[in-house]
C-alpha cells in the first residue's frame, strides 16, 4: 500500500523550471558582469558587458538551468519531493561552476559544497527566517501569551538577583539608608 506522499506526488515540468532558472540566474550573471565592467580601469564600451563578461553570464545561466532541471528531474524520477532533490541539483549545478576552473577536484568540490548547502537549506525548512509560525494565530496575541507564560513574581526575581539594577522591593529606601549609616556613618535624607 502506497503512503500519502507517494500517492499525492505531482510530476514537475523539468524543462519549464530549467528555462525559468536559466533566465533568473542569467540575469544575475548579467548584473555581475555589468558591475565588473563598470569597475575596470580600462575604458571599455557598454558592449564590454557581453564581450568581457559573457563567460560569467554563461556560467551563471548554465548553473541555474542545470539546478532547475536536475532538481525537477530527480523529483520526477524518484517520485518524491524531499531534500535529496535539491542536493542532487546542487551537486550538478556546483559541478558546472567547477568547470570554470578546469580541474576535476574543483568540479567535485564545488558540486559537493553546493549539494550540502542546498540539501541542508531545504531540509531545515528552506527559509532564512526559520520555521513557519501558525498562520491562524495573531502575532500580537502569540507574543502576549508568551509574556504571560514567562512572567515571574517580583519576589522570586528579587530573591534570585537581589535588589539593585532597577529592581527594588518594598522598603528598599529604609534598608539602604540603614546600610549606609552602618558602613559609612552618614545619614541619608528620606524623601
N, C-alpha and C. Protein backbone atom coordinates (compact mmCIF):
# COMPACT_ATOMS: atom_id res chain seq x y z
N UNK A 1 0.85 -1.18 0.00
CA UNK A 1 0.00 0.00 0.00
C UNK A 1 0.89 1.24 0.00
N UNK A 2 0.61 2.18 -0.88
CA UNK A 2 1.43 3.39 -1.02
C UNK A 2 1.08 4.39 0.07
N UNK A 3 2.11 5.11 0.51
CA UNK A 3 1.85 6.14 1.53
C UNK A 3 1.23 7.37 0.87
N UNK A 4 0.82 8.34 1.70
CA UNK A 4 0.16 9.53 1.17
C UNK A 4 1.10 10.36 0.30
N UNK A 5 2.40 10.44 0.67
CA UNK A 5 3.35 11.23 -0.10
C UNK A 5 3.52 10.68 -1.51
N UNK A 6 3.61 9.35 -1.62
CA UNK A 6 3.79 8.75 -2.93
C UNK A 6 2.53 8.90 -3.78
N UNK A 7 1.36 8.78 -3.17
CA UNK A 7 0.11 8.88 -3.92
C UNK A 7 -0.17 10.32 -4.33
N UNK A 8 0.28 11.29 -3.53
CA UNK A 8 -0.03 12.69 -3.80
C UNK A 8 1.03 13.38 -4.65
N UNK A 9 2.07 12.67 -5.09
CA UNK A 9 3.14 13.32 -5.86
C UNK A 9 2.62 13.76 -7.22
N UNK A 10 2.92 15.00 -7.56
CA UNK A 10 2.57 15.54 -8.87
C UNK A 10 3.85 15.78 -9.65
N UNK A 11 3.96 15.26 -10.86
CA UNK A 11 5.18 15.46 -11.65
C UNK A 11 5.42 16.95 -11.93
N UNK A 12 6.69 17.30 -12.03
CA UNK A 12 7.08 18.69 -12.27
C UNK A 12 7.55 18.85 -13.71
N UNK A 13 7.38 20.04 -14.24
CA UNK A 13 7.84 20.34 -15.59
C UNK A 13 9.32 20.71 -15.52
N UNK A 14 10.19 19.74 -15.79
CA UNK A 14 11.62 19.94 -15.64
C UNK A 14 12.16 20.96 -16.64
N UNK A 15 11.68 20.93 -17.86
CA UNK A 15 12.18 21.86 -18.88
C UNK A 15 11.72 23.29 -18.56
N UNK A 16 10.48 23.44 -18.16
CA UNK A 16 9.98 24.77 -17.80
C UNK A 16 10.73 25.37 -16.62
N UNK A 17 10.99 24.54 -15.60
CA UNK A 17 11.75 25.02 -14.45
C UNK A 17 13.20 25.34 -14.83
N UNK A 18 13.76 24.56 -15.75
CA UNK A 18 15.13 24.83 -16.19
C UNK A 18 15.20 26.16 -16.94
N UNK A 19 14.22 26.43 -17.79
CA UNK A 19 14.21 27.69 -18.54
C UNK A 19 14.03 28.87 -17.58
N UNK A 20 13.13 28.72 -16.63
CA UNK A 20 12.90 29.79 -15.65
C UNK A 20 14.17 30.07 -14.83
N UNK A 21 14.81 29.00 -14.35
CA UNK A 21 16.04 29.17 -13.56
C UNK A 21 17.17 29.74 -14.41
N UNK A 22 17.24 29.35 -15.68
CA UNK A 22 18.27 29.88 -16.57
C UNK A 22 18.10 31.38 -16.76
N UNK A 23 16.87 31.81 -16.96
CA UNK A 23 16.63 33.24 -17.14
C UNK A 23 16.95 34.04 -15.87
N UNK A 24 16.56 33.51 -14.72
CA UNK A 24 16.81 34.24 -13.47
C UNK A 24 18.30 34.32 -13.18
N UNK A 25 19.00 33.20 -13.25
CA UNK A 25 20.43 33.22 -12.94
C UNK A 25 21.23 33.88 -14.05
N UNK A 26 20.73 33.82 -15.27
CA UNK A 26 21.39 34.55 -16.36
C UNK A 26 21.31 36.05 -16.14
N UNK A 27 20.16 36.53 -15.64
CA UNK A 27 20.02 37.95 -15.30
C UNK A 27 20.95 38.33 -14.16
N UNK A 28 21.10 37.43 -13.19
CA UNK A 28 22.04 37.69 -12.09
C UNK A 28 23.47 37.73 -12.63
N UNK A 29 23.80 36.83 -13.55
CA UNK A 29 25.13 36.85 -14.17
C UNK A 29 25.36 38.11 -14.97
N UNK A 30 24.33 38.60 -15.65
CA UNK A 30 24.43 39.86 -16.39
C UNK A 30 24.70 41.02 -15.43
N UNK A 31 24.05 41.02 -14.29
CA UNK A 31 24.27 42.07 -13.29
C UNK A 31 25.70 42.02 -12.76
N UNK A 32 26.21 40.82 -12.50
CA UNK A 32 27.60 40.68 -12.02
C UNK A 32 28.57 41.14 -13.10
N UNK A 33 28.31 40.76 -14.35
CA UNK A 33 29.19 41.18 -15.44
C UNK A 33 29.14 42.69 -15.64
N UNK A 34 27.96 43.29 -15.47
CA UNK A 34 27.85 44.75 -15.60
C UNK A 34 28.62 45.45 -14.49
N UNK A 35 28.55 44.91 -13.28
CA UNK A 35 29.32 45.50 -12.18
C UNK A 35 30.81 45.40 -12.45
N UNK A 36 31.24 44.24 -12.90
CA UNK A 36 32.66 44.07 -13.23
C UNK A 36 33.08 45.01 -14.36
N UNK A 37 32.21 45.21 -15.33
CA UNK A 37 32.52 46.09 -16.46
C UNK A 37 32.68 47.53 -16.00
N UNK A 38 31.86 47.96 -15.06
CA UNK A 38 31.96 49.35 -14.60
C UNK A 38 33.18 49.57 -13.71
N UNK A 39 33.71 48.51 -13.12
CA UNK A 39 34.85 48.64 -12.21
C UNK A 39 36.20 48.45 -12.90
N UNK A 40 36.22 48.25 -14.21
CA UNK A 40 37.50 48.08 -14.91
C UNK A 40 38.20 49.43 -15.04
N UNK A 41 39.54 49.38 -15.06
CA UNK A 41 40.32 50.61 -15.18
C UNK A 41 40.44 51.05 -16.63
N UNK A 42 40.32 50.10 -17.56
CA UNK A 42 40.38 50.45 -18.98
C UNK A 42 39.07 51.07 -19.41
N UNK A 43 39.14 51.86 -20.44
CA UNK A 43 37.94 52.48 -20.99
C UNK A 43 37.29 51.48 -21.94
N UNK A 44 36.23 50.82 -21.48
CA UNK A 44 35.54 49.83 -22.29
C UNK A 44 34.13 50.34 -22.56
N UNK A 45 33.57 49.86 -23.64
CA UNK A 45 32.23 50.32 -24.01
C UNK A 45 31.17 49.53 -23.24
N UNK A 46 29.94 49.86 -23.49
CA UNK A 46 28.83 49.14 -22.87
C UNK A 46 28.76 47.70 -23.35
N UNK A 47 29.28 47.43 -24.53
CA UNK A 47 29.28 46.06 -25.04
C UNK A 47 30.27 45.18 -24.29
N UNK A 48 31.12 45.79 -23.48
CA UNK A 48 32.07 45.01 -22.70
C UNK A 48 31.37 44.07 -21.73
N UNK A 49 30.16 44.41 -21.38
CA UNK A 49 29.38 43.51 -20.52
C UNK A 49 29.24 42.16 -21.19
N UNK A 50 28.97 42.16 -22.48
CA UNK A 50 28.80 40.90 -23.21
C UNK A 50 30.11 40.32 -23.69
N UNK A 51 31.04 41.17 -24.15
CA UNK A 51 32.29 40.63 -24.71
C UNK A 51 33.24 40.16 -23.62
N UNK A 52 33.37 40.94 -22.57
CA UNK A 52 34.29 40.56 -21.50
C UNK A 52 33.61 39.69 -20.44
N UNK A 53 32.32 39.90 -20.20
CA UNK A 53 31.62 39.17 -19.15
C UNK A 53 30.72 38.07 -19.65
N UNK A 54 30.84 37.72 -20.92
CA UNK A 54 29.99 36.68 -21.48
C UNK A 54 30.17 35.33 -20.80
N UNK A 55 31.40 35.03 -20.41
CA UNK A 55 31.66 33.76 -19.74
C UNK A 55 30.96 33.68 -18.39
N UNK A 56 30.99 34.78 -17.67
CA UNK A 56 30.33 34.79 -16.36
C UNK A 56 28.82 34.64 -16.52
N UNK A 57 28.27 35.35 -17.50
CA UNK A 57 26.84 35.24 -17.75
C UNK A 57 26.48 33.80 -18.12
N UNK A 58 27.29 33.17 -18.96
CA UNK A 58 27.02 31.80 -19.39
C UNK A 58 27.13 30.81 -18.23
N UNK A 59 28.14 30.98 -17.38
CA UNK A 59 28.31 30.07 -16.25
C UNK A 59 27.12 30.20 -15.28
N UNK A 60 26.73 31.45 -15.00
CA UNK A 60 25.57 31.65 -14.11
C UNK A 60 24.33 31.01 -14.71
N UNK A 61 24.07 31.27 -15.98
CA UNK A 61 22.87 30.74 -16.63
C UNK A 61 22.90 29.22 -16.69
N UNK A 62 24.05 28.65 -17.05
CA UNK A 62 24.15 27.19 -17.15
C UNK A 62 23.99 26.55 -15.78
N UNK A 63 24.58 27.16 -14.77
CA UNK A 63 24.48 26.59 -13.43
C UNK A 63 23.04 26.62 -12.92
N UNK A 64 22.36 27.74 -13.11
CA UNK A 64 20.96 27.84 -12.68
C UNK A 64 20.05 26.90 -13.45
N UNK A 65 20.25 26.82 -14.75
CA UNK A 65 19.44 25.92 -15.56
C UNK A 65 19.66 24.46 -15.19
N UNK A 66 20.91 24.13 -14.92
CA UNK A 66 21.23 22.76 -14.50
C UNK A 66 20.56 22.44 -13.18
N UNK A 67 20.62 23.38 -12.25
CA UNK A 67 19.99 23.15 -10.95
C UNK A 67 18.48 22.95 -11.10
N UNK A 68 17.82 23.84 -11.84
CA UNK A 68 16.38 23.74 -12.01
C UNK A 68 15.97 22.43 -12.67
N UNK A 69 16.69 22.04 -13.72
CA UNK A 69 16.35 20.80 -14.42
C UNK A 69 16.64 19.58 -13.55
N UNK A 70 17.83 19.55 -12.93
CA UNK A 70 18.21 18.37 -12.15
C UNK A 70 17.31 18.17 -10.94
N UNK A 71 16.93 19.25 -10.28
CA UNK A 71 16.06 19.14 -9.11
C UNK A 71 14.70 18.57 -9.52
N UNK A 72 14.12 19.09 -10.59
CA UNK A 72 12.81 18.61 -11.04
C UNK A 72 12.90 17.20 -11.61
N UNK A 73 13.96 16.92 -12.38
CA UNK A 73 14.11 15.59 -12.95
C UNK A 73 14.32 14.54 -11.87
N UNK A 74 15.11 14.86 -10.86
CA UNK A 74 15.31 13.92 -9.75
C UNK A 74 13.99 13.66 -9.02
N UNK A 75 13.21 14.71 -8.82
CA UNK A 75 11.91 14.53 -8.15
C UNK A 75 11.00 13.66 -9.00
N UNK A 76 11.01 13.86 -10.30
CA UNK A 76 10.15 13.07 -11.18
C UNK A 76 10.61 11.61 -11.24
N UNK A 77 11.92 11.39 -11.29
CA UNK A 77 12.41 10.01 -11.37
C UNK A 77 12.20 9.27 -10.05
N UNK A 78 12.40 9.95 -8.95
CA UNK A 78 12.26 9.32 -7.64
C UNK A 78 10.81 9.32 -7.16
N UNK A 79 9.97 10.16 -7.76
CA UNK A 79 8.57 10.34 -7.37
C UNK A 79 8.44 10.68 -5.89
N UNK A 80 9.38 11.51 -5.42
CA UNK A 80 9.38 12.01 -4.05
C UNK A 80 9.81 13.47 -4.09
N UNK A 81 9.26 14.24 -3.17
CA UNK A 81 9.65 15.64 -3.07
C UNK A 81 10.30 15.86 -1.70
N UNK A 82 11.60 15.53 -1.60
CA UNK A 82 12.30 15.64 -0.33
C UNK A 82 13.61 16.42 -0.53
N UNK A 83 14.46 16.39 0.47
CA UNK A 83 15.69 17.20 0.45
C UNK A 83 16.79 16.62 -0.44
N UNK A 84 16.60 15.41 -0.90
CA UNK A 84 17.62 14.84 -1.80
C UNK A 84 17.57 15.50 -3.18
N UNK A 85 16.42 15.95 -3.61
CA UNK A 85 16.32 16.57 -4.93
C UNK A 85 17.14 17.86 -5.03
N UNK A 86 17.03 18.78 -4.08
CA UNK A 86 17.92 19.96 -4.14
C UNK A 86 19.39 19.58 -4.00
N UNK A 87 19.69 18.52 -3.26
CA UNK A 87 21.09 18.09 -3.12
C UNK A 87 21.62 17.58 -4.46
N UNK A 88 20.82 16.82 -5.17
CA UNK A 88 21.23 16.32 -6.49
C UNK A 88 21.40 17.49 -7.46
N UNK A 89 20.41 18.39 -7.46
CA UNK A 89 20.52 19.58 -8.32
C UNK A 89 21.71 20.44 -7.94
N UNK A 90 21.97 20.58 -6.65
CA UNK A 90 23.12 21.35 -6.19
C UNK A 90 24.43 20.74 -6.62
N UNK A 91 24.53 19.42 -6.55
CA UNK A 91 25.76 18.77 -6.97
C UNK A 91 26.04 19.01 -8.45
N UNK A 92 25.04 18.82 -9.29
CA UNK A 92 25.25 19.03 -10.72
C UNK A 92 25.49 20.50 -11.05
N UNK A 93 24.77 21.39 -10.37
CA UNK A 93 24.97 22.82 -10.59
C UNK A 93 26.36 23.26 -10.13
N UNK A 94 26.79 22.77 -8.98
CA UNK A 94 28.13 23.09 -8.50
C UNK A 94 29.20 22.53 -9.41
N UNK A 95 28.93 21.38 -10.01
CA UNK A 95 29.89 20.80 -10.95
C UNK A 95 30.05 21.69 -12.17
N UNK A 96 28.95 22.29 -12.62
CA UNK A 96 29.03 23.23 -13.74
C UNK A 96 29.87 24.45 -13.34
N UNK A 97 29.68 24.94 -12.11
CA UNK A 97 30.51 26.06 -11.64
C UNK A 97 31.98 25.66 -11.57
N UNK A 98 32.25 24.43 -11.15
CA UNK A 98 33.63 23.95 -11.04
C UNK A 98 34.31 23.80 -12.39
N UNK A 99 33.53 23.65 -13.47
CA UNK A 99 34.13 23.53 -14.81
C UNK A 99 34.90 24.79 -15.21
N UNK A 100 34.55 25.90 -14.63
CA UNK A 100 35.25 27.15 -14.95
C UNK A 100 36.73 27.07 -14.57
N UNK A 101 37.06 26.27 -13.55
CA UNK A 101 38.45 26.14 -13.11
C UNK A 101 39.19 25.02 -13.82
N UNK A 102 38.48 24.20 -14.59
CA UNK A 102 39.04 23.15 -15.44
C UNK A 102 39.88 22.13 -14.70
N UNK A 103 39.51 21.82 -13.47
CA UNK A 103 40.17 20.74 -12.75
C UNK A 103 39.11 19.85 -12.13
N UNK A 104 39.42 18.56 -12.07
CA UNK A 104 38.47 17.60 -11.52
C UNK A 104 38.19 17.85 -10.04
N UNK A 105 39.19 18.18 -9.22
CA UNK A 105 38.89 18.48 -7.81
C UNK A 105 37.95 19.68 -7.65
N UNK A 106 38.09 20.67 -8.52
CA UNK A 106 37.19 21.83 -8.43
C UNK A 106 35.77 21.41 -8.77
N UNK A 107 35.61 20.57 -9.76
CA UNK A 107 34.28 20.09 -10.14
C UNK A 107 33.64 19.34 -8.98
N UNK A 108 34.39 18.41 -8.38
CA UNK A 108 33.85 17.65 -7.27
C UNK A 108 33.64 18.52 -6.03
N UNK A 109 34.57 19.42 -5.76
CA UNK A 109 34.46 20.28 -4.58
C UNK A 109 33.28 21.23 -4.66
N UNK A 110 33.14 21.92 -5.80
CA UNK A 110 32.00 22.82 -5.96
C UNK A 110 30.69 22.03 -5.93
N UNK A 111 30.69 20.87 -6.57
CA UNK A 111 29.48 20.05 -6.57
C UNK A 111 29.09 19.59 -5.18
N UNK A 112 30.05 19.08 -4.43
CA UNK A 112 29.77 18.60 -3.07
C UNK A 112 29.36 19.76 -2.17
N UNK A 113 30.05 20.87 -2.29
CA UNK A 113 29.72 22.03 -1.45
C UNK A 113 28.32 22.54 -1.69
N UNK A 114 27.96 22.70 -2.95
CA UNK A 114 26.62 23.20 -3.26
C UNK A 114 25.54 22.16 -2.93
N UNK A 115 25.87 20.88 -3.07
CA UNK A 115 24.91 19.83 -2.71
C UNK A 115 24.62 19.88 -1.22
N UNK A 116 25.65 20.06 -0.41
CA UNK A 116 25.45 20.11 1.04
C UNK A 116 24.63 21.34 1.42
N UNK A 117 24.97 22.48 0.83
CA UNK A 117 24.26 23.71 1.17
C UNK A 117 22.79 23.63 0.76
N UNK A 118 22.53 23.21 -0.47
CA UNK A 118 21.15 23.16 -0.95
C UNK A 118 20.33 22.10 -0.22
N UNK A 119 20.92 20.92 0.02
CA UNK A 119 20.20 19.87 0.74
C UNK A 119 19.89 20.28 2.17
N UNK A 120 20.86 20.88 2.85
CA UNK A 120 20.64 21.31 4.24
C UNK A 120 19.63 22.45 4.30
N UNK A 121 19.71 23.38 3.35
CA UNK A 121 18.76 24.50 3.33
C UNK A 121 17.34 24.00 3.16
N UNK A 122 17.14 23.06 2.27
CA UNK A 122 15.80 22.50 2.06
C UNK A 122 15.36 21.67 3.27
N UNK A 123 16.27 20.93 3.84
CA UNK A 123 15.94 20.07 4.99
C UNK A 123 15.51 20.89 6.20
N UNK A 124 16.10 22.06 6.39
CA UNK A 124 15.79 22.89 7.55
C UNK A 124 14.60 23.81 7.33
N UNK A 125 13.88 23.65 6.27
CA UNK A 125 12.66 24.42 6.06
C UNK A 125 12.73 25.35 4.87
N UNK A 126 13.89 25.57 4.31
CA UNK A 126 14.01 26.39 3.12
C UNK A 126 13.76 27.87 3.33
N UNK A 127 13.99 28.35 4.56
CA UNK A 127 13.79 29.77 4.84
C UNK A 127 14.93 30.26 5.72
N UNK A 128 15.29 31.52 5.52
CA UNK A 128 16.30 32.12 6.36
C UNK A 128 15.71 32.56 7.70
N UNK A 129 14.42 32.75 7.75
CA UNK A 129 13.77 33.24 8.96
C UNK A 129 13.36 32.13 9.91
N UNK A 130 13.60 30.89 9.57
CA UNK A 130 13.25 29.77 10.44
C UNK A 130 11.91 29.16 10.04
N UNK A 131 11.40 28.34 10.92
CA UNK A 131 10.15 27.63 10.63
C UNK A 131 8.96 28.58 10.63
N UNK A 132 7.94 28.19 9.92
CA UNK A 132 6.71 28.99 9.89
C UNK A 132 5.99 28.90 11.23
N UNK A 133 5.40 30.01 11.60
CA UNK A 133 4.56 30.01 12.78
C UNK A 133 3.14 29.68 12.33
N UNK A 134 2.29 29.38 13.27
CA UNK A 134 0.92 29.02 12.95
C UNK A 134 0.21 30.23 12.32
N UNK A 135 -0.25 30.13 11.08
CA UNK A 135 -0.89 31.29 10.43
C UNK A 135 -2.25 31.64 11.02
N UNK A 136 -2.84 30.75 11.80
CA UNK A 136 -4.16 31.01 12.38
C UNK A 136 -4.09 31.82 13.67
N UNK A 137 -2.90 32.01 14.22
CA UNK A 137 -2.74 32.74 15.48
C UNK A 137 -2.20 34.13 15.17
N UNK A 138 -2.85 35.15 15.74
CA UNK A 138 -2.40 36.52 15.57
C UNK A 138 -1.05 36.70 16.27
N UNK A 139 -0.12 37.40 15.62
CA UNK A 139 1.23 37.55 16.16
C UNK A 139 1.24 38.30 17.49
N UNK A 140 0.41 39.35 17.61
CA UNK A 140 0.34 40.11 18.86
C UNK A 140 -0.17 39.23 20.00
N UNK A 141 -1.22 38.46 19.73
CA UNK A 141 -1.76 37.58 20.75
C UNK A 141 -0.75 36.50 21.14
N UNK A 142 0.01 36.00 20.18
CA UNK A 142 1.02 34.99 20.46
C UNK A 142 2.09 35.54 21.39
N UNK A 143 2.56 36.78 21.12
CA UNK A 143 3.59 37.38 21.96
C UNK A 143 3.06 37.70 23.36
N UNK A 144 1.82 38.14 23.45
CA UNK A 144 1.24 38.40 24.76
C UNK A 144 1.12 37.11 25.57
N UNK A 145 0.75 36.03 24.91
CA UNK A 145 0.65 34.74 25.60
C UNK A 145 2.04 34.29 26.07
N UNK A 146 3.06 34.53 25.27
CA UNK A 146 4.42 34.18 25.69
C UNK A 146 4.85 35.00 26.90
N UNK A 147 4.51 36.28 26.91
CA UNK A 147 4.86 37.13 28.05
C UNK A 147 4.18 36.63 29.32
N UNK A 148 2.89 36.31 29.24
CA UNK A 148 2.17 35.84 30.41
C UNK A 148 2.70 34.49 30.87
N UNK A 149 3.10 33.68 29.95
CA UNK A 149 3.61 32.35 30.26
C UNK A 149 4.95 32.43 30.99
N UNK A 150 5.73 33.46 30.71
CA UNK A 150 7.06 33.55 31.27
C UNK A 150 7.20 34.59 32.37
N UNK A 151 6.12 35.25 32.76
CA UNK A 151 6.19 36.24 33.83
C UNK A 151 6.47 35.58 35.16
N UNK A 152 7.32 36.24 35.95
CA UNK A 152 7.66 35.72 37.28
C UNK A 152 7.31 36.78 38.31
N UNK A 153 6.93 36.36 39.49
CA UNK A 153 6.64 37.33 40.55
C UNK A 153 7.90 38.10 40.93
N UNK A 154 7.73 39.37 41.37
CA UNK A 154 8.85 40.23 41.71
C UNK A 154 9.65 39.66 42.87
N UNK A 155 9.00 39.01 43.83
CA UNK A 155 9.72 38.45 44.98
C UNK A 155 10.68 37.36 44.53
N UNK A 156 10.26 36.54 43.58
CA UNK A 156 11.13 35.48 43.07
C UNK A 156 12.35 36.08 42.37
N UNK A 157 12.14 37.14 41.61
CA UNK A 157 13.25 37.81 40.93
C UNK A 157 14.19 38.44 41.94
N UNK A 158 13.64 39.10 42.97
CA UNK A 158 14.48 39.72 43.99
C UNK A 158 15.29 38.69 44.76
N UNK A 159 14.69 37.55 45.05
CA UNK A 159 15.42 36.50 45.77
C UNK A 159 16.56 35.96 44.92
N UNK A 160 16.34 35.86 43.64
CA UNK A 160 17.36 35.29 42.76
C UNK A 160 18.47 36.29 42.44
N UNK A 161 18.11 37.53 42.11
CA UNK A 161 19.09 38.53 41.69
C UNK A 161 19.54 39.44 42.82
N UNK A 162 18.70 39.69 43.76
CA UNK A 162 18.98 40.68 44.78
C UNK A 162 18.47 42.03 44.32
N UNK A 163 18.47 42.98 45.23
CA UNK A 163 17.96 44.30 44.87
C UNK A 163 19.03 45.08 44.14
N UNK A 164 18.61 46.04 43.38
CA UNK A 164 19.50 46.87 42.59
C UNK A 164 19.24 46.63 41.12
N UNK A 165 20.01 47.25 40.28
CA UNK A 165 19.89 47.10 38.83
C UNK A 165 18.47 47.40 38.34
N UNK A 166 17.80 48.34 39.00
CA UNK A 166 16.48 48.76 38.56
C UNK A 166 15.35 47.97 39.17
N UNK A 167 15.65 46.95 39.99
CA UNK A 167 14.60 46.14 40.60
C UNK A 167 14.71 46.33 42.11
N UNK A 168 13.72 46.98 42.69
CA UNK A 168 13.74 47.27 44.12
C UNK A 168 12.44 46.79 44.74
N UNK A 169 12.56 46.11 45.86
CA UNK A 169 11.39 45.63 46.58
C UNK A 169 10.86 46.68 47.53
N UNK A 170 9.74 46.41 48.18
CA UNK A 170 9.18 47.37 49.14
C UNK A 170 10.12 47.54 50.34
N UNK A 171 10.27 48.79 50.81
CA UNK A 171 11.12 49.09 51.95
C UNK A 171 12.59 49.21 51.61
N UNK A 172 12.91 49.32 50.33
CA UNK A 172 14.30 49.37 49.92
C UNK A 172 15.01 50.62 50.43
N UNK A 173 14.34 51.77 50.36
CA UNK A 173 14.99 53.03 50.77
C UNK A 173 15.41 52.98 52.24
N UNK A 174 14.58 52.42 53.10
CA UNK A 174 14.92 52.33 54.52
C UNK A 174 16.11 51.40 54.73
N UNK A 175 16.10 50.24 54.08
CA UNK A 175 17.22 49.30 54.20
C UNK A 175 18.51 49.91 53.67
N UNK A 176 18.43 50.67 52.59
CA UNK A 176 19.62 51.32 52.02
C UNK A 176 20.16 52.37 52.97
N UNK A 177 19.29 53.20 53.53
CA UNK A 177 19.71 54.25 54.46
C UNK A 177 20.38 53.62 55.69
N UNK A 178 19.83 52.52 56.20
CA UNK A 178 20.42 51.83 57.36
C UNK A 178 21.79 51.27 57.02
N UNK A 179 21.91 50.67 55.82
CA UNK A 179 23.19 50.09 55.38
C UNK A 179 24.25 51.17 55.23
N UNK A 180 23.90 52.33 54.67
CA UNK A 180 24.86 53.43 54.51
C UNK A 180 25.27 53.98 55.88
N UNK A 181 24.32 54.07 56.78
CA UNK A 181 24.64 54.57 58.13
C UNK A 181 25.59 53.61 58.84
N UNK A 182 25.37 52.29 58.72
CA UNK A 182 26.23 51.31 59.37
C UNK A 182 27.64 51.31 58.75
N UNK A 183 27.71 51.35 57.45
CA UNK A 183 29.01 51.23 56.76
C UNK A 183 29.81 52.52 56.77
N UNK A 184 29.14 53.66 56.60
CA UNK A 184 29.86 54.92 56.42
C UNK A 184 29.58 55.96 57.49
N UNK A 185 28.59 55.71 58.31
CA UNK A 185 28.26 56.66 59.35
C UNK A 185 27.57 57.92 58.85
N UNK A 186 26.92 57.86 57.72
CA UNK A 186 26.23 59.01 57.13
C UNK A 186 24.74 58.83 57.24
N UNK A 187 24.05 59.94 57.47
CA UNK A 187 22.59 59.92 57.46
C UNK A 187 22.11 60.29 56.08
N UNK A 188 21.28 59.43 55.50
CA UNK A 188 20.69 59.68 54.18
C UNK A 188 19.33 60.31 54.40
N UNK A 189 19.08 61.49 53.80
CA UNK A 189 17.76 62.10 53.98
C UNK A 189 16.69 61.25 53.32
N UNK A 190 15.58 61.06 54.00
CA UNK A 190 14.49 60.24 53.45
C UNK A 190 13.47 61.16 52.80
N UNK A 191 13.07 60.80 51.61
CA UNK A 191 12.13 61.64 50.88
C UNK A 191 10.76 61.06 50.88
